[in-house]
Protein backbone atom coordinates (compact mmCIF):
# COMPACT_ATOMS: atom_id res chain seq x y z
CA UNK A 1 -12.26 -3.23 -13.76
CA UNK A 2 -14.41 -0.17 -13.80
CA UNK A 3 -13.19 3.36 -13.18
CA UNK A 4 -11.17 3.76 -9.96
CA UNK A 5 -11.37 7.24 -8.54
CA UNK A 6 -10.24 8.49 -5.16
CA UNK A 7 -13.33 7.08 -3.41
CA UNK A 8 -12.96 3.69 -5.07
CA UNK A 9 -9.24 3.60 -4.24
CA UNK A 10 -10.14 4.25 -0.61
CA UNK A 11 -12.82 1.55 -0.74
CA UNK A 12 -10.35 -0.93 -2.25
CA UNK A 13 -7.79 -0.11 0.46
CA UNK A 14 -10.31 -0.48 3.29
CA UNK A 15 -11.74 -3.73 1.92
CA UNK A 16 -8.26 -5.27 1.65
CA UNK A 17 -7.01 -3.96 5.03
CA UNK A 18 -4.32 -1.72 3.52
CA UNK A 19 -2.71 1.02 5.66
CA UNK A 20 -4.69 3.98 4.37
CA UNK A 21 -3.51 7.45 5.42
CA UNK A 22 -3.77 11.03 4.25
CA UNK A 23 -0.81 12.62 2.55
CA UNK A 24 0.35 16.17 3.22
CA UNK A 25 -1.98 17.50 0.54
CA UNK A 26 -4.97 15.55 1.89
CA UNK A 27 -5.16 12.82 -0.74
CA UNK A 28 -5.37 9.15 0.26
CA UNK A 29 -2.20 7.07 0.18
CA UNK A 30 -1.30 3.58 1.36
CA UNK A 31 1.87 3.84 3.41
CA UNK A 32 4.44 1.14 4.10
CA UNK A 33 5.48 0.23 7.61
CA UNK A 34 8.91 -0.52 8.97
CA UNK A 35 12.39 0.89 8.71
CA UNK A 36 13.24 -0.92 5.49
CA UNK A 37 10.34 0.62 3.54
CA UNK A 38 10.13 3.98 5.28
CA UNK A 39 8.90 6.72 2.94
CA UNK A 40 7.34 4.32 0.42
CA UNK A 41 3.67 4.67 -0.46
CA UNK A 42 1.04 3.88 -3.07
CA UNK A 43 -1.10 6.66 -4.49
CA UNK A 44 -3.94 6.88 -6.99
CA UNK A 45 -4.56 9.22 -9.88
CA UNK A 46 -4.22 7.13 -13.01
CA UNK A 47 -7.78 5.84 -13.54
CA UNK A 48 -8.53 2.15 -13.72
CA UNK A 49 -5.19 1.07 -15.21
CA UNK A 50 -2.75 1.29 -12.33
CA UNK A 51 -1.64 3.06 -9.16
CA UNK A 52 1.84 4.41 -8.48
CA UNK A 53 4.46 3.29 -5.97
CA UNK A 54 6.58 6.20 -4.75
CA UNK A 55 10.01 5.47 -3.23
CA UNK A 56 12.25 7.94 -1.39
CA UNK A 57 15.74 6.99 -0.16
CA UNK A 58 18.55 8.90 1.58
CA UNK A 59 21.38 8.19 -0.84
CA UNK A 60 21.62 7.26 -4.54
CA UNK A 61 23.16 3.90 -3.64
CA UNK A 62 20.21 2.97 -1.42
CA UNK A 63 17.83 4.04 -4.18
CA UNK A 64 19.67 1.87 -6.69
CA UNK A 65 19.24 -1.21 -4.47
CA UNK A 66 15.58 -0.39 -3.81
CA UNK A 67 14.86 0.03 -7.52
CA UNK A 68 16.50 -3.31 -8.22
CA UNK A 69 14.36 -4.93 -5.48
CA UNK A 70 11.12 -3.48 -6.86
CA UNK A 71 11.99 -4.46 -10.44
CA UNK A 72 12.28 -8.07 -9.22
CA UNK A 73 8.61 -7.81 -8.21
CA UNK A 74 7.79 -7.19 -11.88
CA UNK A 75 6.86 -3.51 -11.73
CA UNK A 76 7.53 -0.96 -14.47
CA UNK A 77 9.68 2.08 -13.71
CA UNK A 78 7.95 5.34 -14.68
CA UNK A 79 10.42 7.91 -13.40
CA UNK A 80 13.73 7.85 -11.53
CA UNK A 81 15.59 10.74 -9.95
CA UNK A 82 18.59 11.05 -7.67
CA UNK A 83 16.77 10.14 -4.45
CA UNK A 84 13.27 9.08 -5.56
CA UNK A 85 11.55 6.79 -8.04
CA UNK A 86 8.00 6.07 -9.21
CA UNK A 87 6.73 2.68 -10.41
CA UNK A 88 3.49 1.53 -12.08
CA UNK A 89 1.50 -1.05 -10.11
CA UNK A 90 -1.39 -2.67 -12.03
CA UNK A 91 -4.53 -3.31 -9.99
CA UNK A 92 -4.23 -7.08 -10.47
CA UNK A 93 -0.80 -7.03 -8.74
CA UNK A 94 -1.66 -4.46 -6.08
CA UNK A 95 -2.45 -6.92 -3.27
CA UNK A 96 0.74 -8.95 -3.82
CA UNK A 97 2.93 -5.83 -3.90
CA UNK A 98 1.25 -4.33 -0.82
CA UNK A 99 1.77 -7.54 1.12
CA UNK A 100 5.44 -7.74 0.07
CA UNK A 101 6.08 -4.12 1.10
CA UNK A 102 4.30 -4.43 4.50
CA UNK A 103 1.36 -2.23 3.61
CA UNK A 104 -1.29 -4.68 4.84
CA UNK A 105 -2.69 -4.62 8.35
CA UNK A 106 -2.86 -7.80 10.41
CA UNK A 107 -6.13 -9.71 10.30
CA UNK A 108 -8.57 -8.78 13.06
CA UNK A 109 -8.24 -10.79 16.23
CA UNK A 110 -11.98 -11.02 16.84
CA UNK A 111 -12.87 -13.42 14.05
CA UNK A 112 -15.61 -15.13 16.08
CA UNK A 113 -17.77 -12.15 17.00
CA UNK A 114 -20.77 -14.21 18.15
CA UNK A 115 -18.56 -16.29 20.44
CA UNK A 116 -16.99 -13.11 21.80
CA UNK A 117 -20.44 -11.66 22.51
CA UNK A 118 -21.49 -14.83 24.37
CA UNK A 119 -18.26 -14.72 26.41
CA UNK A 120 -18.87 -11.10 27.41
CA UNK A 121 -22.48 -11.76 28.39
CA UNK A 122 -21.52 -14.79 30.50
CA UNK A 123 -18.83 -12.87 32.43
CA UNK A 124 -20.92 -9.78 33.25
């Protein structure tokens, strides 16, 4: 893959329907949804090799279980603290990891746009 910068990370996230948000410092992140993965997000800044998965938990025991869960997905641990951890996610595994961690939006409901347009015109 060619060089992934912030704009290309955003383009990748939009093209694959990932939950793109802005972090507190204004950089793009892909946030997880749901109570189980609350506080987890993907962020860019490592070129074309990988992105990072950032995990925050309330207690060390919860973090230990979360780290074990993410290691089963085949990701490499970069850094682990008392309540947070960072993992490497290669770009070729990014879609699978995002889907597993509920970071992907549902598919659009208006798949048949031409049929929808004809329906609207007929009912006006």
